[in-house]
Amino acid sequence: VFSYAGVPVDFEDVNIDPNAEDNDDLSYAITSIRRNGVALKGNIETRSRDAEVMSRNVALRNELDLFVNVVHCVSYPGVTSRQKNIDIVIVRQNTEGEYAMLEHESVDGVVESMKVISRSNSERLARYAFEYAKRNGRKKVTTVHKANIMKLSDGLFLETARLMAKEYPEIQHNDMIIDNTCMQLVSNPHQFDVMLTTNLYGAIVSNVVCGLLGGAGLLAGKNFGAQYTVFEPATRNTGAAIAGKNIANPIAMLNAACDMLRHLGHKNHAALIQNAINKTINAGVHTPDLGGTATSREVVDSIMKYIKISQS
């Protein structure tokens, strides 16, 4: 698609073997991202069930300090979905919480898992959320938590968000317990604008909203750190069950690619591809996950057709 649209971007490909026993290939990927500053990434499968082996996706985010994940959830008019006209931005903590991967079996049959919440990471995440809201004309930030039960960890996260909100009086701030958040998303998603979440709650909320919009194959996610940016499909699903069947939905990855182009300053090329994606979806060229019968190849061919029409 990039070649067809004449995008002036060259890729440095790094393949990561999910069965590899060492992390050499992951190290190559991290080195490449450090060299280029930006990456377009698929979900990296970690097949090992050894508790000592960290998820490679988590390891990459931690190593590059990609502390925030942003998912802009917008309805597609051409997709049959449970809710219409959704426009929600999820700002998710990306490097700590339950994903700290700190588990151990203290005695036989008893497993302890640590949840790590730090003031420093909570502060920079909250500031990112409020700055994003201010910069993009958003009116409200909702902090999602479970501070009624986890009074110290989620309590710190919520307290930090409330303090940050005082620096942005023009932006409304409220908070909501994760249980109620899931129910409210299903029943009345339009009340949400920007959602500020911890790591695990962000994963849950992102998948709920993707379900409301039509499925996991549409939305893209952006991972930001102080130095590096990584773009990927929003739900971080490996899609192993449908690999090689020519039925995977390519839209999420192509949307991630458009986000990357905008980040790099290639706004015209991003708009060209994005418009072709939107026209393809609105024309009803859908893969089976969206209720259609099109193959992955047919979706891409349709996008390329609309790119050609726009260029003529």
Protein backbone atom coordinates (compact mmCIF):
# COMPACT_ATOMS: atom_id res chain seq x y z
CA VAL A 1 0.00 0.00 0.00
CA PHE A 2 2.84 2.40 0.86
CA SER A 3 4.57 1.66 -2.42
CA TYR A 4 1.35 2.11 -4.37
CA ALA A 5 0.70 5.46 -2.66
CA GLY A 6 4.27 6.63 -3.27
CA VAL A 7 5.06 7.00 0.43
CA PRO A 8 8.70 8.13 0.91
CA VAL A 9 9.40 5.72 3.77
CA ASP A 10 11.79 2.76 3.78
CA PHE A 11 11.33 -0.05 6.30
CA GLU A 12 13.98 -1.89 8.24
CA ASP A 13 12.34 -5.28 8.79
CA VAL A 14 13.00 -7.23 11.99
CA ASN A 15 11.33 -10.63 12.38
CA ILE A 16 10.93 -12.02 15.88
CA ASP A 17 10.68 -15.79 16.34
CA PRO A 18 8.05 -16.66 19.00
CA ASN A 19 9.81 -19.97 19.64
CA ALA A 20 13.29 -18.52 20.20
CA GLU A 21 14.79 -19.32 23.58
CA ASP A 22 16.93 -16.18 23.66
CA ASN A 23 16.07 -12.52 23.14
CA ASP A 24 18.58 -11.72 20.42
CA ASP A 25 15.88 -10.92 17.85
CA LEU A 26 14.05 -8.68 20.34
CA SER A 27 17.33 -6.89 21.02
CA TYR A 28 17.72 -6.31 17.27
CA ALA A 29 14.20 -4.82 17.17
CA ILE A 30 14.92 -2.51 20.10
CA THR A 31 18.20 -1.42 18.54
CA SER A 32 16.39 -0.67 15.27
CA ILE A 33 13.76 1.44 17.06
CA ARG A 34 16.47 3.35 18.91
CA ARG A 35 18.22 4.00 15.62
CA ASN A 36 15.11 5.09 13.71
CA GLY A 37 13.07 6.61 16.54
CA VAL A 38 9.82 5.13 15.28
CA ALA A 39 8.38 1.70 14.46
CA LEU A 40 5.32 -0.01 13.01
CA LYS A 41 4.79 -3.16 15.03
CA GLY A 42 2.64 -6.26 14.98
CA ASN A 43 1.88 -8.07 18.21
CA ILE A 44 4.84 -10.20 19.27
CA GLU A 45 3.84 -13.67 20.37
CA THR A 46 5.58 -15.14 23.43
CA ARG A 47 4.83 -18.86 23.47
CA SER A 48 6.82 -19.77 26.55
CA ARG A 49 4.70 -20.44 29.65
CA ASP A 50 7.71 -20.13 31.92
CA ALA A 51 6.93 -17.57 34.64
CA GLU A 52 10.51 -16.33 34.37
CA VAL A 53 10.04 -15.37 30.71
CA MET A 54 8.65 -11.85 30.31
CA SER A 55 6.22 -11.03 27.52
CA ARG A 56 8.29 -9.60 24.68
CA ASN A 57 5.70 -6.88 24.11
CA VAL A 58 6.03 -5.80 27.74
CA ALA A 59 9.83 -6.05 27.57
CA LEU A 60 9.95 -3.82 24.49
CA ARG A 61 7.72 -1.17 26.05
CA ASN A 62 9.73 -1.21 29.27
CA GLU A 63 13.11 -1.10 27.56
CA LEU A 64 12.09 1.91 25.44
CA ASP A 65 10.13 3.54 28.29
CA LEU A 66 6.98 3.78 26.17
CA PHE A 67 5.00 4.94 29.18
CA VAL A 68 1.73 5.87 27.47
CA ASN A 69 -0.57 4.04 25.07
CA VAL A 70 -3.18 6.11 23.22
CA VAL A 71 -6.16 4.61 21.39
CA HIS A 72 -8.55 6.94 19.57
CA CYS A 73 -11.84 5.06 19.32
CA VAL A 74 -14.07 6.42 16.55
CA SER A 75 -17.11 4.79 14.93
CA TYR A 76 -17.10 3.89 11.23
CA PRO A 77 -20.45 4.71 9.56
CA GLY A 78 -20.02 1.74 7.22
CA VAL A 79 -19.63 -0.83 10.01
CA THR A 80 -22.62 -2.39 11.76
CA SER A 81 -21.99 -1.87 15.47
CA ARG A 82 -23.75 -1.84 18.82
CA GLN A 83 -23.26 1.90 19.31
CA LYS A 84 -22.99 4.76 16.83
CA ASN A 85 -21.04 8.04 16.83
CA ILE A 86 -18.51 7.00 19.48
CA ASP A 87 -15.48 9.28 19.86
CA ILE A 88 -13.38 8.29 22.88
CA VAL A 89 -9.65 8.62 23.54
CA ILE A 90 -8.10 6.07 25.92
CA VAL A 91 -4.84 7.13 27.59
CA ARG A 92 -3.35 4.05 29.23
CA GLN A 93 -0.34 3.57 31.47
CA ASN A 94 2.00 1.28 29.58
CA THR A 95 4.93 0.17 31.76
CA GLU A 96 3.77 -0.79 35.26
CA GLY A 97 0.67 -1.89 37.19
CA GLU A 98 -0.13 -5.60 36.97
CA TYR A 99 2.12 -5.78 33.90
CA ALA A 100 5.20 -5.35 36.07
CA MET A 101 5.49 -9.17 35.71
CA LEU A 102 6.40 -9.61 39.37
CA GLU A 103 4.94 -12.97 40.35
CA HIS A 104 6.19 -15.73 42.59
CA GLU A 105 4.92 -18.81 44.40
CA SER A 106 5.56 -18.04 48.06
CA VAL A 107 4.58 -21.53 49.20
CA ASP A 108 3.24 -24.48 47.26
CA GLY A 109 -0.17 -23.57 45.85
CA VAL A 110 -0.01 -19.89 46.81
CA VAL A 111 0.96 -17.34 44.14
CA GLU A 112 1.56 -13.67 44.83
CA SER A 113 1.46 -11.05 42.08
CA MET A 114 2.64 -7.50 42.66
CA LYS A 115 0.93 -4.43 41.24
CA VAL A 116 3.30 -1.47 40.97
CA ILE A 117 1.96 2.10 40.84
CA SER A 118 4.46 4.95 41.15
CA ARG A 119 3.77 8.63 41.64
CA SER A 120 6.28 9.63 38.95
CA ASN A 121 4.71 7.46 36.23
CA SER A 122 1.19 8.40 37.32
CA GLU A 123 2.07 12.10 37.15
CA ARG A 124 3.55 12.04 33.67
CA LEU A 125 0.65 9.92 32.41
CA ALA A 126 -1.95 12.25 33.92
CA ARG A 127 -0.16 15.28 32.50
CA TYR A 128 -0.12 13.64 29.08
CA ALA A 129 -3.88 13.00 29.29
CA PHE A 130 -4.74 16.57 30.31
CA GLU A 131 -2.33 18.07 27.78
CA TYR A 132 -3.86 15.87 25.09
CA ALA A 133 -7.34 17.04 26.08
CA LYS A 134 -6.25 20.68 26.04
CA ARG A 135 -4.42 20.39 22.72
CA ASN A 136 -7.28 18.60 20.98
CA GLY A 137 -10.24 20.56 22.30
CA ARG A 138 -11.47 17.78 24.57
CA LYS A 139 -13.75 18.76 27.43
CA LYS A 140 -13.45 15.99 30.02
CA VAL A 141 -10.99 13.47 31.46
CA THR A 142 -12.35 10.42 33.32
CA THR A 143 -9.92 8.56 35.58
CA VAL A 144 -10.69 4.82 35.74
CA HIS A 145 -9.68 3.04 38.95
CA LYS A 146 -10.50 0.57 41.73
CA ALA A 147 -9.41 2.77 44.62
CA ASN A 148 -12.33 1.61 46.76
CA ILE A 149 -10.57 -1.76 47.11
CA MET A 150 -6.92 -1.08 46.21
CA LYS A 151 -6.68 1.98 48.41
CA LEU A 152 -2.91 2.44 48.19
CA SER A 153 -2.07 1.58 44.57
CA ASP A 154 -5.16 2.81 42.75
CA GLY A 155 -5.57 5.39 45.49
CA LEU A 156 -2.22 6.91 44.51
CA PHE A 157 -3.17 6.84 40.82
CA LEU A 158 -6.48 8.60 41.52
CA GLU A 159 -4.95 11.13 43.91
CA THR A 160 -2.31 12.03 41.32
CA ALA A 161 -4.97 12.54 38.65
CA ARG A 162 -7.03 14.77 40.93
CA LEU A 163 -4.02 16.92 41.74
CA MET A 164 -3.14 17.20 38.05
CA ALA A 165 -6.72 18.21 37.24
CA LYS A 166 -6.31 21.32 39.38
CA GLU A 167 -3.70 22.58 36.90
CA TYR A 168 -6.28 22.38 34.10
CA PRO A 169 -9.42 24.09 35.42
CA GLU A 170 -10.82 24.44 31.91
CA ILE A 171 -11.08 20.64 31.60
CA GLN A 172 -13.73 18.75 33.55
CA HIS A 173 -12.44 15.81 35.59
CA ASN A 174 -14.34 12.92 37.10
CA ASP A 175 -13.48 9.39 38.16
CA MET A 176 -15.20 6.04 37.80
CA ILE A 177 -14.63 2.56 39.23
CA ILE A 178 -13.61 0.05 36.55
CA ASP A 179 -16.64 -2.22 37.17
CA ASN A 180 -19.07 0.62 36.56
CA THR A 181 -16.97 1.91 33.67
CA CYS A 182 -17.48 -1.31 31.71
CA MET A 183 -21.24 -1.17 32.27
CA GLN A 184 -21.40 2.52 31.36
CA LEU A 185 -19.37 1.93 28.19
CA VAL A 186 -21.89 -0.63 27.00
CA SER A 187 -25.00 1.35 28.02
CA ASN A 188 -23.93 4.98 27.48
CA PRO A 189 -20.49 5.35 25.86
CA HIS A 190 -21.15 8.91 24.71
CA GLN A 191 -20.58 10.25 28.23
CA PHE A 192 -16.84 9.55 27.85
CA ASP A 193 -14.32 11.86 26.21
CA VAL A 194 -10.75 11.13 27.39
CA MET A 195 -10.26 8.11 29.65
CA LEU A 196 -7.18 7.96 31.90
CA THR A 197 -6.43 4.39 32.99
CA THR A 198 -3.89 2.13 34.62
CA ASN A 199 -2.31 -0.59 32.52
CA LEU A 200 -4.73 -3.49 33.08
CA TYR A 201 -7.88 -1.36 33.10
CA GLY A 202 -6.77 0.23 29.85
CA ALA A 203 -6.47 -3.19 28.24
CA ILE A 204 -9.98 -4.08 29.38
CA VAL A 205 -11.54 -0.77 28.36
CA SER A 206 -9.83 -0.80 24.93
CA ASN A 207 -11.22 -4.23 24.13
CA VAL A 208 -14.72 -3.30 25.30
CA VAL A 209 -14.77 -0.22 23.07
CA CYS A 210 -13.35 -2.17 20.13
CA GLY A 211 -16.24 -4.60 20.57
CA LEU A 212 -18.73 -1.75 20.54
CA LEU A 213 -17.24 -0.39 17.32
CA GLY A 214 -17.29 -3.67 15.44
CA GLY A 215 -14.29 -5.71 16.52
CA ALA A 216 -10.56 -5.90 17.06
CA GLY A 217 -9.58 -5.38 13.44
CA LEU A 218 -10.26 -1.65 13.09
CA LEU A 219 -8.46 0.51 15.64
CA ALA A 220 -4.80 1.46 15.97
CA GLY A 221 -2.77 2.23 19.08
CA LYS A 222 0.12 4.66 19.61
CA ASN A 223 2.87 4.11 22.19
CA PHE A 224 4.82 7.18 23.24
CA GLY A 225 7.94 7.69 25.30
CA ALA A 226 10.29 10.63 25.70
CA GLN A 227 12.41 9.49 22.74
CA TYR A 228 10.62 6.77 20.78
CA THR A 229 7.19 6.09 19.28
CA VAL A 230 5.73 2.73 18.28
CA PHE A 231 2.51 2.23 16.31
CA GLU A 232 0.48 -1.00 16.34
CA PRO A 233 -3.07 -2.44 16.24
CA ALA A 234 -4.98 -1.35 19.34
CA THR A 235 -5.99 -4.69 20.84
CA ARG A 236 -2.55 -6.32 20.60
CA ASN A 237 -4.05 -9.61 19.40
CA THR A 238 -1.64 -12.04 17.74
CA GLY A 239 -4.37 -13.44 15.47
CA ALA A 240 -2.59 -16.81 15.52
CA ALA A 241 -5.86 -18.71 14.97
CA ILE A 242 -6.43 -17.11 11.56
CA ALA A 243 -2.82 -16.80 10.39
CA GLY A 244 -2.32 -17.83 6.76
CA LYS A 245 -6.06 -18.01 5.98
CA ASN A 246 -6.30 -14.69 4.10
CA ILE A 247 -9.18 -13.52 6.33
CA ALA A 248 -7.37 -11.28 8.84
CA ASN A 249 -8.60 -7.69 8.86
CA PRO A 250 -5.71 -5.44 7.70
CA ILE A 251 -7.46 -2.19 8.65
CA ALA A 252 -6.02 -1.83 12.17
CA MET A 253 -2.45 -2.20 10.94
CA LEU A 254 -3.07 0.20 8.05
CA ASN A 255 -4.61 2.73 10.45
CA ALA A 256 -1.48 2.36 12.60
CA ALA A 257 0.59 3.03 9.49
CA CYS A 258 -1.41 6.21 8.80
CA ASP A 259 -0.81 7.34 12.38
CA MET A 260 2.90 6.77 11.85
CA LEU A 261 2.88 8.83 8.65
CA ARG A 262 1.17 11.73 10.41
CA HIS A 263 3.74 11.49 13.19
CA LEU A 264 6.54 11.66 10.61
CA GLY A 265 5.00 14.68 8.93
CA HIS A 266 3.72 12.89 5.80
CA LYS A 267 0.19 14.17 6.31
CA ASN A 268 -0.82 14.14 2.64
CA HIS A 269 0.16 10.50 2.19
CA ALA A 270 -1.60 9.61 5.44
CA ALA A 271 -4.77 11.35 4.25
CA LEU A 272 -4.58 9.59 0.87
CA ILE A 273 -4.43 6.14 2.47
CA GLN A 274 -6.89 6.99 5.26
CA ASN A 275 -9.50 8.20 2.76
CA ALA A 276 -9.07 5.00 0.76
CA ILE A 277 -9.54 2.95 3.93
CA ASN A 278 -12.72 4.85 4.82
CA LYS A 279 -14.15 4.44 1.31
CA THR A 280 -13.40 0.72 1.36
CA ILE A 281 -15.17 0.27 4.69
CA ASN A 282 -18.14 2.39 3.64
CA ALA A 283 -18.41 0.41 0.40
CA GLY A 284 -18.99 -2.74 2.45
CA VAL A 285 -15.71 -4.48 1.62
CA HIS A 286 -15.43 -6.23 4.99
CA THR A 287 -13.54 -9.25 6.27
CA PRO A 288 -15.48 -11.94 8.22
CA ASP A 289 -14.81 -10.34 11.62
CA LEU A 290 -17.00 -7.42 10.48
CA GLY A 291 -19.68 -9.72 9.08
CA GLY A 292 -18.40 -9.61 5.51
CA THR A 293 -16.98 -12.14 3.08
CA ALA A 294 -13.96 -10.28 1.69
CA THR A 295 -10.46 -11.68 2.01
CA SER A 296 -7.53 -9.72 3.37
CA ARG A 297 -6.24 -9.40 -0.20
CA GLU A 298 -9.57 -8.05 -1.45
CA VAL A 299 -9.63 -5.38 1.25
CA VAL A 300 -6.11 -4.26 0.34
CA ASP A 301 -6.96 -4.33 -3.39
CA SER A 302 -9.98 -2.11 -2.72
CA ILE A 303 -7.85 0.37 -0.77
CA MET A 304 -5.32 0.47 -3.60
CA LYS A 305 -8.16 1.03 -6.09
CA TYR A 306 -9.36 4.08 -4.18
CA ILE A 307 -5.80 5.39 -3.89
CA LYS A 308 -5.47 5.15 -7.68
CA ILE A 309 -8.79 6.97 -8.18
CA SER A 310 -7.68 9.77 -5.86
CA GLN A 311 -4.39 10.15 -7.72
CA SER A 312 -5.95 10.25 -11.19
